[in-house]
Amino acid sequence: GHGDLTTVRVNVGGVAISSLGAGDAGAQFVGLDQINSGALPSSLAGRKEVEVSVTVAGKTTNKVMVVIQ
């Protein structure tokens, strides 16, 4: 199971981003979940490569790196 999807937390470059929703991505993508985050704050602009992670029900995903221009 996914755990409690109401407890989704998104972290981008050390900044907590609100989660607008999370759940099943749809019947055509069985086993894939989707997370919709809020807008990134302007303080992240130009930070180049930053870590992104998601925490659900106290369990944190592997970190991925993204580039923010």
C-alpha atoms as a PDB file:
ATOM      1  CA  GLY A   1       0.000   0.000   0.000  1.00  0.00           C
ATOM      2  CA  HIS A   2       0.858   3.634  -0.269  1.00  0.00           C
ATOM      3  CA  GLY A   3       0.374   4.614   3.318  1.00  0.00           C
ATOM      4  CA  ASP A   4      -1.625   7.712   4.107  1.00  0.00           C
ATOM      5  CA  LEU A   5      -1.499   9.918   1.006  1.00  0.00           C
ATOM      6  CA  THR A   6      -2.832  12.867   3.012  1.00  0.00           C
ATOM      7  CA  THR A   7       0.575  13.098   4.714  1.00  0.00           C
ATOM      8  CA  VAL A   8       2.583  13.752   1.528  1.00  0.00           C
ATOM      9  CA  ARG A   9       5.439  16.241   1.937  1.00  0.00           C
ATOM     10  CA  VAL A  10       7.607  17.528  -0.926  1.00  0.00           C
ATOM     11  CA  ASN A  11      11.089  18.977  -0.356  1.00  0.00           C
ATOM     12  CA  VAL A  12      12.929  20.866  -3.109  1.00  0.00           C
ATOM     13  CA  GLY A  13      16.395  22.202  -2.382  1.00  0.00           C
ATOM     14  CA  GLY A  14      15.720  22.179   1.359  1.00  0.00           C
ATOM     15  CA  VAL A  15      12.435  24.074   0.959  1.00  0.00           C
ATOM     16  CA  ALA A  16       9.145  22.453   1.989  1.00  0.00           C
ATOM     17  CA  ILE A  17       6.637  22.696  -0.873  1.00  0.00           C
ATOM     18  CA  SER A  18       2.940  22.146  -0.269  1.00  0.00           C
ATOM     19  CA  SER A  19       1.326  19.064  -1.773  1.00  0.00           C
ATOM     20  CA  LEU A  20      -1.921  19.776  -3.602  1.00  0.00           C
ATOM     21  CA  GLY A  21      -2.824  16.121  -3.900  1.00  0.00           C
ATOM     22  CA  ALA A  22      -1.537  12.605  -4.372  1.00  0.00           C
ATOM     23  CA  GLY A  23      -2.943   9.314  -5.531  1.00  0.00           C
ATOM     24  CA  ASP A  24      -3.412   6.828  -8.323  1.00  0.00           C
ATOM     25  CA  ALA A  25      -2.223   8.172 -11.695  1.00  0.00           C
ATOM     26  CA  GLY A  26      -5.073   6.431 -13.523  1.00  0.00           C
ATOM     27  CA  ALA A  27      -6.097   3.076 -14.930  1.00  0.00           C
ATOM     28  CA  GLN A  28      -3.692   3.238 -17.868  1.00  0.00           C
ATOM     29  CA  PHE A  29      -0.727   3.555 -15.457  1.00  0.00           C
ATOM     30  CA  VAL A  30      -1.302   0.693 -13.020  1.00  0.00           C
ATOM     31  CA  GLY A  31       0.998   0.915  -9.989  1.00  0.00           C
ATOM     32  CA  LEU A  32       2.015   4.525 -10.685  1.00  0.00           C
ATOM     33  CA  ASP A  33       1.168   7.271  -8.219  1.00  0.00           C
ATOM     34  CA  GLN A  34       1.051  10.974  -9.005  1.00  0.00           C
ATOM     35  CA  ILE A  35       1.914  13.891  -6.721  1.00  0.00           C
ATOM     36  CA  ASN A  36       0.839  17.438  -7.518  1.00  0.00           C
ATOM     37  CA  SER A  37       2.921  20.016  -5.697  1.00  0.00           C
ATOM     38  CA  GLY A  38       2.329  23.694  -5.200  1.00  0.00           C
ATOM     39  CA  ALA A  39       4.329  26.348  -7.026  1.00  0.00           C
ATOM     40  CA  LEU A  40       8.042  26.605  -6.359  1.00  0.00           C
ATOM     41  CA  PRO A  41       9.008  29.766  -4.470  1.00  0.00           C
ATOM     42  CA  SER A  42      11.066  32.368  -6.321  1.00  0.00           C
ATOM     43  CA  SER A  43      13.866  31.819  -3.778  1.00  0.00           C
ATOM     44  CA  LEU A  44      14.740  28.630  -5.708  1.00  0.00           C
ATOM     45  CA  ALA A  45      15.316  30.525  -8.982  1.00  0.00           C
ATOM     46  CA  GLY A  46      18.853  30.151 -10.269  1.00  0.00           C
ATOM     47  CA  ARG A  47      19.836  27.538  -7.674  1.00  0.00           C
ATOM     48  CA  LYS A  48      20.970  25.196 -10.461  1.00  0.00           C
ATOM     49  CA  GLU A  49      21.013  21.547  -9.305  1.00  0.00           C
ATOM     50  CA  VAL A  50      18.931  20.794  -6.188  1.00  0.00           C
ATOM     51  CA  GLU A  51      17.727  17.658  -4.413  1.00  0.00           C
ATOM     52  CA  VAL A  52      14.054  16.695  -4.525  1.00  0.00           C
ATOM     53  CA  SER A  53      12.485  14.181  -2.160  1.00  0.00           C
ATOM     54  CA  VAL A  54       8.997  13.173  -1.131  1.00  0.00           C
ATOM     55  CA  THR A  55       7.899  11.879   2.261  1.00  0.00           C
ATOM     56  CA  VAL A  56       4.706   9.839   2.659  1.00  0.00           C
ATOM     57  CA  ALA A  57       3.556   8.590   6.055  1.00  0.00           C
ATOM     58  CA  GLY A  58       7.032   9.210   7.496  1.00  0.00           C
ATOM     59  CA  LYS A  59       8.944   7.330   4.763  1.00  0.00           C
ATOM     60  CA  THR A  60      11.187   9.376   2.467  1.00  0.00           C
ATOM     61  CA  THR A  61      11.866   8.498  -1.165  1.00  0.00           C
ATOM     62  CA  ASN A  62      15.277   8.332  -2.745  1.00  0.00           C
ATOM     63  CA  LYS A  63      16.482  11.817  -3.627  1.00  0.00           C
ATOM     64  CA  VAL A  64      16.648  12.927  -7.245  1.00  0.00           C
ATOM     65  CA  MET A  65      18.482  15.916  -8.643  1.00  0.00           C
ATOM     66  CA  VAL A  66      16.758  18.541 -10.794  1.00  0.00           C
ATOM     67  CA  VAL A  67      18.054  21.735 -12.371  1.00  0.00           C
ATOM     68  CA  ILE A  68      16.210  24.968 -11.602  1.00  0.00           C
ATOM     69  CA  GLN A  69      17.054  27.907 -13.835  1.00  0.00           C
END
